[in-house]
Amino acid sequence: MTETSTPISSEHDPDQPEEPTAALSTQERLKQLETEGDIAADYLEELLDIADLDGDLDMDVEGDRAAVSIVGADLQTLVGEDGEVLEALQELTRLAVYRETGERSRLMLDIGGYRADLRRQLEELAAEAVEDVKESGEPVKLTPMTPFERKVVHDAVAAGGLRSESEGVEPTRCVVVLPA
């Protein structure tokens, strides 16, 4: 198991409500996120043992959330079609963290690099949308996405120098890329 840490940044997720947290120092918040990662890793190790699956766990802190990745061969069953099983496992893992800490977690789970690959694809999609909007001057509405997917697109659009909004309601909520 590998454990690394990165500095905490103040990312804002427009698709998730603000966390009501007491004013914590950066070091205290980092320690809290590392603890969430440890709890999640213990829970997921048990799950892998029960399911008799091989996988290594990597823990990190990305932005203002703990991140745990399961890497190894033959993990597609834990990802499921369109990441549905992965989403469910992430929620179960967040519940395990909540049970231990009493605090809601925004932990991010990746299995077999699924989310990392999806992130790259979404960043490419956002870059194409940014170019389309810059050329046409007209807004571009993307297909419905999950909160994770929308967050990635919002960040990529902002990095491309434009702004974006989410519109609609789940499960058809989508991102609209707007001219500057």
N, C-alpha and C. Protein backbone atom coordinates (compact mmCIF):
# COMPACT_ATOMS: atom_id res chain seq x y z
N MET A 1 0.85 -1.18 0.00
CA MET A 1 0.00 0.00 0.00
C MET A 1 0.89 1.23 0.00
N THR A 2 0.60 2.19 -0.88
CA THR A 2 1.38 3.41 -0.99
C THR A 2 0.55 4.56 -0.47
N GLU A 3 1.17 5.43 0.29
CA GLU A 3 0.45 6.59 0.80
C GLU A 3 1.25 7.83 0.46
N THR A 4 0.62 8.75 -0.27
CA THR A 4 1.26 10.01 -0.59
C THR A 4 0.29 11.13 -0.29
N SER A 5 0.82 12.31 -0.15
CA SER A 5 -0.03 13.46 0.14
C SER A 5 0.31 14.60 -0.78
N THR A 6 -0.69 15.39 -1.10
CA THR A 6 -0.49 16.60 -1.87
C THR A 6 -1.14 17.73 -1.12
N PRO A 7 -0.69 18.96 -1.38
CA PRO A 7 -1.29 20.09 -0.68
C PRO A 7 -2.77 20.22 -0.98
N ILE A 8 -3.49 20.74 -0.04
CA ILE A 8 -4.93 20.93 -0.20
C ILE A 8 -5.14 22.24 -0.94
N SER A 9 -5.99 22.22 -1.96
CA SER A 9 -6.36 23.46 -2.65
C SER A 9 -7.82 23.75 -2.34
N SER A 10 -8.26 24.94 -2.69
CA SER A 10 -9.63 25.30 -2.38
C SER A 10 -10.49 25.16 -3.63
N GLU A 11 -10.68 23.92 -4.11
CA GLU A 11 -11.55 23.66 -5.24
C GLU A 11 -12.99 23.82 -4.80
N HIS A 12 -13.81 24.36 -5.69
CA HIS A 12 -15.25 24.44 -5.41
C HIS A 12 -15.96 23.54 -6.40
N ASP A 13 -16.75 22.64 -5.92
CA ASP A 13 -17.52 21.75 -6.76
C ASP A 13 -18.92 22.34 -6.91
N PRO A 14 -19.26 22.90 -8.08
CA PRO A 14 -20.56 23.54 -8.23
C PRO A 14 -21.72 22.56 -8.15
N ASP A 15 -21.45 21.27 -8.24
CA ASP A 15 -22.52 20.28 -8.20
C ASP A 15 -22.66 19.61 -6.84
N GLN A 16 -21.88 20.04 -5.87
CA GLN A 16 -21.99 19.47 -4.54
C GLN A 16 -22.11 20.59 -3.53
N PRO A 17 -22.97 20.41 -2.52
CA PRO A 17 -23.13 21.47 -1.52
C PRO A 17 -21.85 21.68 -0.73
N GLU A 18 -21.70 22.88 -0.23
CA GLU A 18 -20.54 23.20 0.60
C GLU A 18 -20.60 22.36 1.88
N GLU A 19 -19.43 21.96 2.35
CA GLU A 19 -19.34 21.20 3.58
C GLU A 19 -19.37 22.13 4.78
N PRO A 20 -20.21 21.88 5.75
CA PRO A 20 -20.20 22.69 6.96
C PRO A 20 -19.10 22.21 7.89
N THR A 21 -17.88 22.70 7.71
CA THR A 21 -16.77 22.27 8.55
C THR A 21 -16.31 23.43 9.40
N ALA A 22 -15.84 23.10 10.56
CA ALA A 22 -15.26 24.12 11.44
C ALA A 22 -13.97 24.58 10.79
N ALA A 23 -13.50 25.73 11.19
CA ALA A 23 -12.26 26.26 10.63
C ALA A 23 -11.11 25.37 11.08
N LEU A 24 -10.60 24.58 10.15
CA LEU A 24 -9.49 23.69 10.46
C LEU A 24 -8.24 24.22 9.78
N SER A 25 -7.11 24.04 10.42
CA SER A 25 -5.86 24.41 9.77
C SER A 25 -5.62 23.44 8.62
N THR A 26 -4.75 23.83 7.72
CA THR A 26 -4.42 22.97 6.59
C THR A 26 -3.88 21.63 7.07
N GLN A 27 -3.03 21.66 8.08
CA GLN A 27 -2.47 20.41 8.61
C GLN A 27 -3.55 19.52 9.22
N GLU A 28 -4.48 20.14 9.97
CA GLU A 28 -5.57 19.36 10.58
C GLU A 28 -6.46 18.75 9.51
N ARG A 29 -6.78 19.52 8.47
CA ARG A 29 -7.63 19.01 7.39
C ARG A 29 -6.93 17.90 6.64
N LEU A 30 -5.63 18.05 6.39
CA LEU A 30 -4.86 17.02 5.72
C LEU A 30 -4.87 15.72 6.54
N LYS A 31 -4.70 15.85 7.84
CA LYS A 31 -4.73 14.68 8.72
C LYS A 31 -6.10 14.01 8.68
N GLN A 32 -7.17 14.83 8.68
CA GLN A 32 -8.53 14.31 8.61
C GLN A 32 -8.74 13.53 7.30
N LEU A 33 -8.26 14.07 6.19
CA LEU A 33 -8.41 13.40 4.90
C LEU A 33 -7.59 12.11 4.84
N GLU A 34 -6.40 12.12 5.44
CA GLU A 34 -5.59 10.91 5.49
C GLU A 34 -6.28 9.84 6.32
N THR A 35 -6.93 10.24 7.41
CA THR A 35 -7.68 9.29 8.23
C THR A 35 -8.84 8.70 7.43
N GLU A 36 -9.55 9.54 6.67
CA GLU A 36 -10.63 9.04 5.81
C GLU A 36 -10.08 8.00 4.83
N GLY A 37 -8.92 8.29 4.23
CA GLY A 37 -8.30 7.35 3.31
C GLY A 37 -7.94 6.04 3.97
N ASP A 38 -7.42 6.10 5.19
CA ASP A 38 -7.07 4.89 5.92
C ASP A 38 -8.32 4.04 6.22
N ILE A 39 -9.38 4.68 6.67
CA ILE A 39 -10.63 3.96 6.96
C ILE A 39 -11.17 3.32 5.69
N ALA A 40 -11.17 4.09 4.61
CA ALA A 40 -11.66 3.58 3.33
C ALA A 40 -10.82 2.40 2.85
N ALA A 41 -9.51 2.52 2.98
CA ALA A 41 -8.63 1.44 2.54
C ALA A 41 -8.88 0.17 3.34
N ASP A 42 -9.07 0.29 4.65
CA ASP A 42 -9.37 -0.89 5.47
C ASP A 42 -10.68 -1.54 5.02
N TYR A 43 -11.69 -0.72 4.79
CA TYR A 43 -12.99 -1.23 4.34
C TYR A 43 -12.85 -1.94 2.99
N LEU A 44 -12.12 -1.32 2.07
CA LEU A 44 -11.98 -1.90 0.73
C LEU A 44 -11.11 -3.16 0.74
N GLU A 45 -10.11 -3.20 1.61
CA GLU A 45 -9.30 -4.41 1.73
C GLU A 45 -10.16 -5.59 2.18
N GLU A 46 -11.04 -5.33 3.14
CA GLU A 46 -11.98 -6.38 3.58
C GLU A 46 -12.87 -6.82 2.45
N LEU A 47 -13.38 -5.87 1.69
CA LEU A 47 -14.24 -6.17 0.56
C LEU A 47 -13.52 -7.03 -0.47
N LEU A 48 -12.29 -6.68 -0.79
CA LEU A 48 -11.51 -7.47 -1.74
C LEU A 48 -11.27 -8.88 -1.22
N ASP A 49 -11.00 -9.01 0.08
CA ASP A 49 -10.80 -10.34 0.67
C ASP A 49 -12.07 -11.17 0.58
N ILE A 50 -13.20 -10.57 0.92
CA ILE A 50 -14.48 -11.29 0.87
C ILE A 50 -14.80 -11.73 -0.56
N ALA A 51 -14.53 -10.85 -1.52
CA ALA A 51 -14.83 -11.15 -2.92
C ALA A 51 -13.74 -12.01 -3.57
N ASP A 52 -12.67 -12.28 -2.82
CA ASP A 52 -11.53 -13.06 -3.31
C ASP A 52 -10.95 -12.44 -4.59
N LEU A 53 -10.75 -11.13 -4.54
CA LEU A 53 -10.17 -10.39 -5.66
C LEU A 53 -8.81 -9.83 -5.24
N ASP A 54 -7.90 -9.82 -6.21
CA ASP A 54 -6.58 -9.24 -5.96
C ASP A 54 -6.59 -7.78 -6.36
N GLY A 55 -5.97 -6.96 -5.57
CA GLY A 55 -5.86 -5.54 -5.89
C GLY A 55 -4.99 -4.85 -4.86
N ASP A 56 -4.28 -3.86 -5.32
CA ASP A 56 -3.46 -3.04 -4.43
C ASP A 56 -4.16 -1.71 -4.24
N LEU A 57 -4.03 -1.15 -3.06
CA LEU A 57 -4.68 0.12 -2.74
C LEU A 57 -3.65 1.24 -2.69
N ASP A 58 -3.99 2.35 -3.33
CA ASP A 58 -3.18 3.57 -3.27
C ASP A 58 -4.05 4.65 -2.66
N MET A 59 -3.49 5.39 -1.70
CA MET A 59 -4.22 6.49 -1.07
C MET A 59 -3.51 7.79 -1.38
N ASP A 60 -4.32 8.85 -1.50
CA ASP A 60 -3.78 10.16 -1.81
C ASP A 60 -4.77 11.20 -1.30
N VAL A 61 -4.37 12.44 -1.35
CA VAL A 61 -5.28 13.56 -1.09
C VAL A 61 -5.25 14.40 -2.35
N GLU A 62 -6.40 14.57 -2.98
CA GLU A 62 -6.51 15.35 -4.21
C GLU A 62 -7.45 16.51 -3.95
N GLY A 63 -6.90 17.70 -4.03
CA GLY A 63 -7.72 18.87 -3.75
C GLY A 63 -8.14 18.83 -2.29
N ASP A 64 -9.44 18.83 -2.06
CA ASP A 64 -9.97 18.81 -0.69
C ASP A 64 -10.73 17.52 -0.43
N ARG A 65 -10.21 16.42 -0.97
CA ARG A 65 -10.85 15.13 -0.71
C ARG A 65 -9.82 14.01 -0.70
N ALA A 66 -10.15 12.98 0.06
CA ALA A 66 -9.32 11.78 0.07
C ALA A 66 -9.60 11.02 -1.21
N ALA A 67 -8.59 10.36 -1.74
CA ALA A 67 -8.73 9.57 -2.95
C ALA A 67 -8.10 8.20 -2.71
N VAL A 68 -8.85 7.16 -3.05
CA VAL A 68 -8.35 5.80 -2.92
C VAL A 68 -8.52 5.13 -4.27
N SER A 69 -7.46 4.44 -4.71
CA SER A 69 -7.50 3.72 -5.98
C SER A 69 -7.20 2.26 -5.72
N ILE A 70 -7.96 1.42 -6.40
CA ILE A 70 -7.67 -0.01 -6.38
C ILE A 70 -7.10 -0.34 -7.75
N VAL A 71 -5.90 -0.88 -7.76
CA VAL A 71 -5.24 -1.23 -9.01
C VAL A 71 -4.93 -2.71 -9.00
N GLY A 72 -4.97 -3.31 -10.17
CA GLY A 72 -4.68 -4.73 -10.29
C GLY A 72 -5.38 -5.28 -11.50
N ALA A 73 -5.20 -6.56 -11.70
CA ALA A 73 -5.80 -7.22 -12.85
C ALA A 73 -7.25 -7.61 -12.56
N ASP A 74 -8.04 -7.68 -13.60
CA ASP A 74 -9.40 -8.21 -13.55
C ASP A 74 -10.30 -7.53 -12.51
N LEU A 75 -10.37 -6.22 -12.56
CA LEU A 75 -11.21 -5.47 -11.63
C LEU A 75 -12.46 -4.92 -12.30
N GLN A 76 -12.70 -5.30 -13.56
CA GLN A 76 -13.84 -4.77 -14.31
C GLN A 76 -15.17 -5.05 -13.60
N THR A 77 -15.27 -6.17 -12.89
CA THR A 77 -16.53 -6.46 -12.19
C THR A 77 -16.81 -5.43 -11.10
N LEU A 78 -15.75 -4.83 -10.56
CA LEU A 78 -15.93 -3.79 -9.53
C LEU A 78 -16.22 -2.42 -10.14
N VAL A 79 -16.03 -2.29 -11.45
CA VAL A 79 -16.35 -1.04 -12.15
C VAL A 79 -17.77 -1.11 -12.66
N GLY A 80 -18.12 -2.23 -13.29
CA GLY A 80 -19.47 -2.39 -13.84
C GLY A 80 -19.66 -1.60 -15.12
N GLU A 81 -20.85 -1.72 -15.67
CA GLU A 81 -21.18 -1.01 -16.90
C GLU A 81 -21.31 0.49 -16.62
N ASP A 82 -20.58 1.27 -17.37
CA ASP A 82 -20.58 2.74 -17.22
C ASP A 82 -20.24 3.19 -15.80
N GLY A 83 -19.47 2.38 -15.06
CA GLY A 83 -19.03 2.77 -13.73
C GLY A 83 -20.09 2.66 -12.65
N GLU A 84 -21.19 1.98 -12.93
CA GLU A 84 -22.29 1.91 -11.96
C GLU A 84 -21.90 1.21 -10.67
N VAL A 85 -21.17 0.11 -10.77
CA VAL A 85 -20.74 -0.61 -9.57
C VAL A 85 -19.72 0.24 -8.80
N LEU A 86 -18.83 0.89 -9.53
CA LEU A 86 -17.86 1.79 -8.91
C LEU A 86 -18.56 2.89 -8.11
N GLU A 87 -19.58 3.50 -8.69
CA GLU A 87 -20.34 4.54 -7.98
C GLU A 87 -20.96 3.99 -6.69
N ALA A 88 -21.53 2.80 -6.78
CA ALA A 88 -22.15 2.18 -5.59
C ALA A 88 -21.10 1.87 -4.53
N LEU A 89 -19.95 1.34 -4.94
CA LEU A 89 -18.87 1.05 -3.99
C LEU A 89 -18.33 2.33 -3.36
N GLN A 90 -18.28 3.39 -4.14
CA GLN A 90 -17.83 4.67 -3.57
C GLN A 90 -18.79 5.13 -2.48
N GLU A 91 -20.08 5.01 -2.72
CA GLU A 91 -21.06 5.43 -1.71
C GLU A 91 -20.98 4.54 -0.47
N LEU A 92 -20.81 3.24 -0.66
CA LEU A 92 -20.66 2.34 0.49
C LEU A 92 -19.39 2.67 1.28
N THR A 93 -18.33 3.00 0.57
CA THR A 93 -17.08 3.36 1.24
C THR A 93 -17.25 4.67 2.00
N ARG A 94 -17.94 5.64 1.41
CA ARG A 94 -18.21 6.89 2.11
C ARG A 94 -19.04 6.64 3.37
N LEU A 95 -19.98 5.71 3.29
CA LEU A 95 -20.78 5.36 4.48
C LEU A 95 -19.91 4.71 5.56
N ALA A 96 -18.96 3.88 5.15
CA ALA A 96 -18.04 3.26 6.12
C ALA A 96 -17.21 4.34 6.82
N VAL A 97 -16.78 5.34 6.07
CA VAL A 97 -16.02 6.44 6.66
C VAL A 97 -16.92 7.22 7.62
N TYR A 98 -18.15 7.49 7.20
CA TYR A 98 -19.09 8.22 8.04
C TYR A 98 -19.36 7.47 9.35
N ARG A 99 -19.50 6.16 9.25
CA ARG A 99 -19.75 5.33 10.43
C ARG A 99 -18.62 5.47 11.44
N GLU A 100 -17.39 5.58 10.96
CA GLU A 100 -16.23 5.68 11.85
C GLU A 100 -15.99 7.10 12.37
N THR A 101 -16.25 8.09 11.52
CA THR A 101 -15.87 9.47 11.88
C THR A 101 -17.05 10.34 12.30
N GLY A 102 -18.26 9.97 11.87
CA GLY A 102 -19.43 10.80 12.14
C GLY A 102 -19.50 12.01 11.23
N GLU A 103 -18.60 12.10 10.24
CA GLU A 103 -18.57 13.22 9.31
C GLU A 103 -18.77 12.72 7.89
N ARG A 104 -19.53 13.48 7.10
CA ARG A 104 -19.77 13.14 5.70
C ARG A 104 -18.46 13.25 4.93
N SER A 105 -18.18 12.27 4.10
CA SER A 105 -16.94 12.23 3.33
C SER A 105 -17.22 12.51 1.86
N ARG A 106 -16.27 13.17 1.21
CA ARG A 106 -16.33 13.39 -0.24
C ARG A 106 -15.28 12.51 -0.93
N LEU A 107 -14.89 11.45 -0.28
CA LEU A 107 -13.87 10.54 -0.78
C LEU A 107 -14.15 10.14 -2.23
N MET A 108 -13.10 10.06 -3.01
CA MET A 108 -13.21 9.64 -4.41
C MET A 108 -12.54 8.28 -4.55
N LEU A 109 -13.26 7.35 -5.17
CA LEU A 109 -12.75 6.00 -5.38
C LEU A 109 -12.52 5.79 -6.87
N ASP A 110 -11.39 5.20 -7.21
CA ASP A 110 -11.10 4.81 -8.59
C ASP A 110 -10.73 3.34 -8.57
N ILE A 111 -11.16 2.63 -9.59
CA ILE A 111 -10.86 1.20 -9.69
C ILE A 111 -10.30 0.93 -11.08
N GLY A 112 -9.12 0.35 -11.11
CA GLY A 112 -8.50 -0.01 -12.37
C GLY A 112 -8.26 1.16 -13.31
N GLY A 113 -8.14 2.36 -12.77
CA GLY A 113 -7.90 3.53 -13.59
C GLY A 113 -9.11 4.03 -14.37
N TYR A 114 -10.30 3.50 -14.05
CA TYR A 114 -11.51 3.88 -14.77
C TYR A 114 -11.76 5.39 -14.71
N ARG A 115 -11.73 5.94 -13.50
CA ARG A 115 -11.99 7.39 -13.36
C ARG A 115 -10.88 8.23 -13.99
N ALA A 116 -9.64 7.78 -13.87
CA ALA A 116 -8.53 8.53 -14.47
C ALA A 116 -8.71 8.59 -15.99
N ASP A 117 -9.07 7.47 -16.61
CA ASP A 117 -9.31 7.44 -18.05
C ASP A 117 -10.51 8.32 -18.41
N LEU A 118 -11.56 8.20 -17.63
CA LEU A 118 -12.76 9.01 -17.87
C LEU A 118 -12.43 10.49 -17.75
N ARG A 119 -11.62 10.85 -16.77
CA ARG A 119 -11.22 12.25 -16.57
C ARG A 119 -10.51 12.77 -17.83
N ARG A 120 -9.59 11.99 -18.37
CA ARG A 120 -8.88 12.41 -19.59
C ARG A 120 -9.85 12.62 -20.75
N GLN A 121 -10.79 11.69 -20.92
CA GLN A 121 -11.78 11.81 -22.00
C GLN A 121 -12.64 13.06 -21.82
N LEU A 122 -13.06 13.31 -20.58
CA LEU A 122 -13.90 14.48 -20.31
C LEU A 122 -13.13 15.79 -20.52
N GLU A 123 -11.86 15.81 -20.16
CA GLU A 123 -11.05 17.00 -20.39
C GLU A 123 -10.92 17.28 -21.89
N GLU A 124 -10.78 16.21 -22.70
CA GLU A 124 -10.73 16.37 -24.15
C GLU A 124 -12.07 16.89 -24.68
N LEU A 125 -13.17 16.34 -24.18
CA LEU A 125 -14.50 16.79 -24.58
C LEU A 125 -14.69 18.27 -24.24
N ALA A 126 -14.28 18.65 -23.04
CA ALA A 126 -14.40 20.05 -22.61
C ALA A 126 -13.55 20.96 -23.49
N ALA A 127 -12.34 20.54 -23.84
CA ALA A 127 -11.46 21.34 -24.70
C ALA A 127 -12.10 21.55 -26.07
N GLU A 128 -12.73 20.50 -26.61
CA GLU A 128 -13.42 20.62 -27.89
C GLU A 128 -14.60 21.59 -27.78
N ALA A 129 -15.36 21.51 -26.69
CA ALA A 129 -16.50 22.40 -26.49
C ALA A 129 -16.03 23.84 -26.35
N VAL A 130 -14.94 24.05 -25.64
CA VAL A 130 -14.38 25.40 -25.48
C VAL A 130 -14.02 25.96 -26.85
N GLU A 131 -13.36 25.17 -27.68
CA GLU A 131 -12.99 25.63 -29.02
C GLU A 131 -14.23 25.95 -29.85
N ASP A 132 -15.25 25.09 -29.78
CA ASP A 132 -16.50 25.33 -30.52
C ASP A 132 -17.15 26.64 -30.09
N VAL A 133 -17.19 26.89 -28.80
CA VAL A 133 -17.81 28.11 -28.28
C VAL A 133 -16.99 29.33 -28.69
N LYS A 134 -15.68 29.23 -28.61
CA LYS A 134 -14.82 30.35 -29.00
C LYS A 134 -14.99 30.68 -30.49
N GLU A 135 -15.13 29.65 -31.32
CA GLU A 135 -15.29 29.86 -32.77
C GLU A 135 -16.67 30.41 -33.12
N SER A 136 -17.71 29.83 -32.50
CA SER A 136 -19.08 30.20 -32.88
C SER A 136 -19.66 31.34 -32.06
N GLY A 137 -19.15 31.52 -30.85
CA GLY A 137 -19.72 32.52 -29.96
C GLY A 137 -21.05 32.09 -29.35
N GLU A 138 -21.45 30.84 -29.61
CA GLU A 138 -22.73 30.30 -29.12
C GLU A 138 -22.48 29.28 -28.00
N PRO A 139 -23.40 29.20 -27.02
CA PRO A 139 -23.25 28.18 -25.96
C PRO A 139 -23.31 26.76 -26.55
N VAL A 140 -22.64 25.85 -25.89
CA VAL A 140 -22.67 24.44 -26.28
C VAL A 140 -23.18 23.64 -25.08
N LYS A 141 -24.26 22.89 -25.32
CA LYS A 141 -24.85 22.05 -24.27
C LYS A 141 -24.34 20.63 -24.47
N LEU A 142 -23.77 20.06 -23.42
CA LEU A 142 -23.23 18.70 -23.47
C LEU A 142 -24.28 17.71 -23.00
N THR A 143 -24.02 16.43 -23.19
CA THR A 143 -24.95 15.38 -22.78
C THR A 143 -25.01 15.28 -21.26
N PRO A 144 -26.06 14.68 -20.72
CA PRO A 144 -26.16 14.51 -19.26
C PRO A 144 -24.95 13.77 -18.69
N MET A 145 -24.58 14.19 -17.48
CA MET A 145 -23.39 13.63 -16.82
C MET A 145 -23.65 13.48 -15.33
N THR A 146 -22.81 12.66 -14.72
CA THR A 146 -22.83 12.50 -13.26
C THR A 146 -22.19 13.72 -12.62
N PRO A 147 -22.37 13.91 -11.32
CA PRO A 147 -21.70 15.04 -10.65
C PRO A 147 -20.18 15.02 -10.84
N PHE A 148 -19.56 13.87 -10.75
CA PHE A 148 -18.11 13.76 -10.96
C PHE A 148 -17.74 14.26 -12.36
N GLU A 149 -18.48 13.78 -13.36
CA GLU A 149 -18.18 14.16 -14.73
C GLU A 149 -18.37 15.67 -14.95
N ARG A 150 -19.44 16.21 -14.40
CA ARG A 150 -19.67 17.65 -14.53
C ARG A 150 -18.55 18.46 -13.88
N LYS A 151 -18.10 18.02 -12.72
CA LYS A 151 -17.03 18.72 -12.01
C LYS A 151 -15.77 18.76 -12.87
N VAL A 152 -15.42 17.65 -13.47
CA VAL A 152 -14.24 17.59 -14.33
C VAL A 152 -14.40 18.56 -15.50
N VAL A 153 -15.57 18.57 -16.12
CA VAL A 153 -15.82 19.45 -17.26
C VAL A 153 -15.79 20.91 -16.84
N HIS A 154 -16.45 21.25 -15.72
CA HIS A 154 -16.42 22.64 -15.24
C HIS A 154 -14.97 23.11 -15.03
N ASP A 155 -14.15 22.28 -14.41
CA ASP A 155 -12.75 22.64 -14.16
C ASP A 155 -11.99 22.82 -15.47
N ALA A 156 -12.21 21.93 -16.43
CA ALA A 156 -11.51 22.01 -17.71
C ALA A 156 -11.96 23.23 -18.51
N VAL A 157 -13.24 23.57 -18.46
CA VAL A 157 -13.75 24.75 -19.16
C VAL A 157 -13.13 26.01 -18.55
N ALA A 158 -13.08 26.08 -17.23
CA ALA A 158 -12.47 27.23 -16.56
C ALA A 158 -11.00 27.35 -16.95
N ALA A 159 -10.30 26.23 -17.02
CA ALA A 159 -8.89 26.24 -17.42
C ALA A 159 -8.74 26.70 -18.87
N GLY A 160 -9.78 26.48 -19.68
CA GLY A 160 -9.77 26.91 -21.07
C GLY A 160 -10.18 28.36 -21.26
N GLY A 161 -10.47 29.05 -20.16
CA GLY A 161 -10.76 30.48 -20.22
C GLY A 161 -12.23 30.84 -20.42
N LEU A 162 -13.12 29.86 -20.33
CA LEU A 162 -14.55 30.15 -20.46
C LEU A 162 -15.26 29.78 -19.18
N ARG A 163 -16.56 29.99 -19.17
CA ARG A 163 -17.35 29.63 -18.00
C ARG A 163 -18.40 28.61 -18.41
N SER A 164 -18.93 27.92 -17.42
CA SER A 164 -19.93 26.88 -17.67
C SER A 164 -20.91 26.85 -16.52
N GLU A 165 -22.07 26.28 -16.80
CA GLU A 165 -23.12 26.11 -15.79
C GLU A 165 -23.69 24.72 -15.94
N SER A 166 -24.25 24.21 -14.86
CA SER A 166 -25.02 22.97 -14.92
C SER A 166 -26.48 23.35 -15.01
N GLU A 167 -27.22 22.61 -15.81
CA GLU A 167 -28.65 22.86 -15.88
C GLU A 167 -29.39 21.53 -15.93
N GLY A 168 -30.67 21.59 -15.53
CA GLY A 168 -31.49 20.38 -15.50
C GLY A 168 -31.45 19.73 -14.13
N VAL A 169 -32.13 18.61 -14.03
CA VAL A 169 -32.18 17.84 -12.79
C VAL A 169 -31.70 16.42 -13.06
N GLU A 170 -31.20 15.79 -12.01
CA GLU A 170 -30.73 14.41 -12.16
C GLU A 170 -31.87 13.55 -12.65
N PRO A 171 -31.66 12.60 -13.49
CA PRO A 171 -30.39 12.14 -14.04
C PRO A 171 -30.03 12.81 -15.38
N THR A 172 -30.74 13.87 -15.75
CA THR A 172 -30.45 14.51 -17.04
C THR A 172 -29.73 15.85 -16.88
N ARG A 173 -29.09 16.07 -15.73
CA ARG A 173 -28.36 17.31 -15.50
C ARG A 173 -27.13 17.33 -16.42
N CYS A 174 -26.89 18.48 -17.05
CA CYS A 174 -25.78 18.56 -18.00
C CYS A 174 -25.04 19.89 -17.85
N VAL A 175 -23.92 19.97 -18.55
CA VAL A 175 -23.09 21.18 -18.54
C VAL A 175 -23.36 21.97 -19.81
N VAL A 176 -23.46 23.29 -19.65
CA VAL A 176 -23.55 24.19 -20.78
C VAL A 176 -22.29 25.07 -20.73
N VAL A 177 -21.53 25.04 -21.83
CA VAL A 177 -20.33 25.86 -21.93
C VAL A 177 -20.74 27.19 -22.57
N LEU A 178 -20.39 28.28 -21.89
CA LEU A 178 -20.86 29.61 -22.28
C LEU A 178 -19.72 30.46 -22.83
N PRO A 179 -20.06 31.38 -23.75
CA PRO A 179 -19.04 32.30 -24.26
C PRO A 179 -18.53 33.21 -23.13
N ALA A 180 -17.33 33.74 -23.33
CA ALA A 180 -16.73 34.61 -22.31
C ALA A 180 -17.52 35.88 -22.10
